Amino acid sequence: MEAKQWTVRIHLAEDGDDTSARAVLTTPDGTRVEGAGHARRNPADPSLPEVGDELAVSRALADLAGRLGADARHDLGDGPVPTRSW
């Protein structure tokens, strides 16, 4: 079996209490799929920038996963694609 490798890069940007993330998946043939996520600190919460990073990145990866699933459904002619196999 041939091993494949896809790369995901995470880009983070912070502006005060707002954090934005972009997850960019690239395949060896140059195909790119992107997901985006955002987090905003509630003023009542403590200032923990890493929490904003984690939330924004998790949302970007979830968006990326949804886009990959949509691409798979499109490639199958809108046939059913299981959301999980575990």
C-alpha atoms as a PDB file:
ATOM      1  CA  MET A   1       0.000   0.000   0.000  1.00  0.00           C
ATOM      2  CA  GLU A   2       1.301   3.432  -0.940  1.00  0.00           C
ATOM      3  CA  ALA A   3       1.419   5.965   1.894  1.00  0.00           C
ATOM      4  CA  LYS A   4       0.028   9.403   1.131  1.00  0.00           C
ATOM      5  CA  GLN A   5       0.708  12.613   2.921  1.00  0.00           C
ATOM      6  CA  TRP A   6      -1.513  15.665   3.031  1.00  0.00           C
ATOM      7  CA  THR A   7      -0.384  18.802   4.806  1.00  0.00           C
ATOM      8  CA  VAL A   8      -2.534  21.092   6.937  1.00  0.00           C
ATOM      9  CA  ARG A   9      -1.194  24.517   7.849  1.00  0.00           C
ATOM     10  CA  ILE A  10      -2.860  26.606  10.513  1.00  0.00           C
ATOM     11  CA  HIS A  11      -2.731  30.400  10.257  1.00  0.00           C
ATOM     12  CA  LEU A  12      -3.712  32.437  13.335  1.00  0.00           C
ATOM     13  CA  ALA A  13      -4.400  36.147  13.660  1.00  0.00           C
ATOM     14  CA  GLU A  14      -5.261  37.983  16.860  1.00  0.00           C
ATOM     15  CA  ASP A  15      -6.849  41.400  17.183  1.00  0.00           C
ATOM     16  CA  GLY A  16      -7.505  42.248  20.805  1.00  0.00           C
ATOM     17  CA  ASP A  17      -9.963  39.664  22.119  1.00  0.00           C
ATOM     18  CA  ASP A  18     -10.729  38.277  18.645  1.00  0.00           C
ATOM     19  CA  THR A  19      -8.840  35.326  17.166  1.00  0.00           C
ATOM     20  CA  SER A  20      -9.225  34.101  13.598  1.00  0.00           C
ATOM     21  CA  ALA A  21      -7.838  30.842  12.241  1.00  0.00           C
ATOM     22  CA  ARG A  22      -7.478  29.425   8.764  1.00  0.00           C
ATOM     23  CA  ALA A  23      -6.749  25.736   8.162  1.00  0.00           C
ATOM     24  CA  VAL A  24      -5.311  25.062   4.699  1.00  0.00           C
ATOM     25  CA  LEU A  25      -5.036  21.463   3.480  1.00  0.00           C
ATOM     26  CA  THR A  26      -2.743  20.839   0.512  1.00  0.00           C
ATOM     27  CA  THR A  27      -2.412  17.542  -1.351  1.00  0.00           C
ATOM     28  CA  PRO A  28       0.666  16.485  -3.366  1.00  0.00           C
ATOM     29  CA  ASP A  29      -1.143  17.335  -6.621  1.00  0.00           C
ATOM     30  CA  GLY A  30      -1.644  20.926  -5.400  1.00  0.00           C
ATOM     31  CA  THR A  31      -5.300  20.672  -4.445  1.00  0.00           C
ATOM     32  CA  ARG A  32      -6.133  23.124  -1.642  1.00  0.00           C
ATOM     33  CA  VAL A  33      -9.104  23.113   0.689  1.00  0.00           C
ATOM     34  CA  GLU A  34      -9.537  25.797   3.343  1.00  0.00           C
ATOM     35  CA  GLY A  35     -11.558  26.108   6.523  1.00  0.00           C
ATOM     36  CA  ALA A  36     -12.072  29.153   8.737  1.00  0.00           C
ATOM     37  CA  GLY A  37     -12.782  29.647  12.415  1.00  0.00           C
ATOM     38  CA  HIS A  38     -13.216  32.524  14.824  1.00  0.00           C
ATOM     39  CA  ALA A  39     -13.243  33.013  18.592  1.00  0.00           C
ATOM     40  CA  ARG A  40     -14.035  36.060  20.697  1.00  0.00           C
ATOM     41  CA  ARG A  41     -13.293  36.298  24.400  1.00  0.00           C
ATOM     42  CA  ASN A  42     -16.254  37.019  26.605  1.00  0.00           C
ATOM     43  CA  PRO A  43     -15.353  40.064  28.746  1.00  0.00           C
ATOM     44  CA  ALA A  44     -16.324  38.057  31.847  1.00  0.00           C
ATOM     45  CA  ASP A  45     -13.715  35.363  31.043  1.00  0.00           C
ATOM     46  CA  PRO A  46     -10.050  35.584  32.050  1.00  0.00           C
ATOM     47  CA  SER A  47      -7.576  36.687  29.387  1.00  0.00           C
ATOM     48  CA  LEU A  48      -6.073  33.395  28.175  1.00  0.00           C
ATOM     49  CA  PRO A  49      -4.971  33.879  24.534  1.00  0.00           C
ATOM     50  CA  GLU A  50      -4.208  30.146  24.095  1.00  0.00           C
ATOM     51  CA  VAL A  51      -7.892  29.351  24.715  1.00  0.00           C
ATOM     52  CA  GLY A  52      -8.899  31.676  21.874  1.00  0.00           C
ATOM     53  CA  ASP A  53      -6.305  29.993  19.647  1.00  0.00           C
ATOM     54  CA  GLU A  54      -7.636  26.536  20.538  1.00  0.00           C
ATOM     55  CA  LEU A  55     -11.253  27.482  19.893  1.00  0.00           C
ATOM     56  CA  ALA A  56     -10.536  29.273  16.619  1.00  0.00           C
ATOM     57  CA  VAL A  57      -8.359  26.407  15.340  1.00  0.00           C
ATOM     58  CA  SER A  58     -10.903  23.752  16.346  1.00  0.00           C
ATOM     59  CA  ARG A  59     -13.594  25.675  14.464  1.00  0.00           C
ATOM     60  CA  ALA A  60     -11.349  26.069  11.397  1.00  0.00           C
ATOM     61  CA  LEU A  61     -10.610  22.321  11.395  1.00  0.00           C
ATOM     62  CA  ALA A  62     -14.326  21.514  11.775  1.00  0.00           C
ATOM     63  CA  ASP A  63     -15.074  23.812   8.828  1.00  0.00           C
ATOM     64  CA  LEU A  64     -12.305  22.133   6.829  1.00  0.00           C
ATOM     65  CA  ALA A  65     -13.752  18.693   7.624  1.00  0.00           C
ATOM     66  CA  GLY A  66     -17.180  19.833   6.447  1.00  0.00           C
ATOM     67  CA  ARG A  67     -15.753  21.138   3.199  1.00  0.00           C
ATOM     68  CA  LEU A  68     -13.887  17.857   2.578  1.00  0.00           C
ATOM     69  CA  GLY A  69     -17.124  15.946   3.170  1.00  0.00           C
ATOM     70  CA  ALA A  70     -18.967  18.220   0.751  1.00  0.00           C
ATOM     71  CA  ASP A  71     -16.227  17.681  -1.845  1.00  0.00           C
ATOM     72  CA  ALA A  72     -16.548  13.893  -1.411  1.00  0.00           C
ATOM     73  CA  ARG A  73     -20.332  14.060  -1.834  1.00  0.00           C
ATOM     74  CA  HIS A  74     -19.886  16.164  -4.963  1.00  0.00           C
ATOM     75  CA  ASP A  75     -17.312  13.719  -6.371  1.00  0.00           C
ATOM     76  CA  LEU A  76     -19.774  10.862  -5.789  1.00  0.00           C
ATOM     77  CA  GLY A  77     -22.567  12.714  -7.530  1.00  0.00           C
ATOM     78  CA  ASP A  78     -24.208  13.851  -4.271  1.00  0.00           C
ATOM     79  CA  GLY A  79     -24.402  10.287  -2.998  1.00  0.00           C
ATOM     80  CA  PRO A  80     -24.400   9.588   0.723  1.00  0.00           C
ATOM     81  CA  VAL A  81     -21.085   9.965   2.503  1.00  0.00           C
ATOM     82  CA  PRO A  82     -20.885   8.718   6.085  1.00  0.00           C
ATOM     83  CA  THR A  83     -19.862  11.462   8.485  1.00  0.00           C
ATOM     84  CA  ARG A  84     -18.007   8.995  10.729  1.00  0.00           C
ATOM     85  CA  SER A  85     -16.638   5.510  10.443  1.00  0.00           C
ATOM     86  CA  TRP A  86     -15.886   5.008  14.125  1.00  0.00           C
END
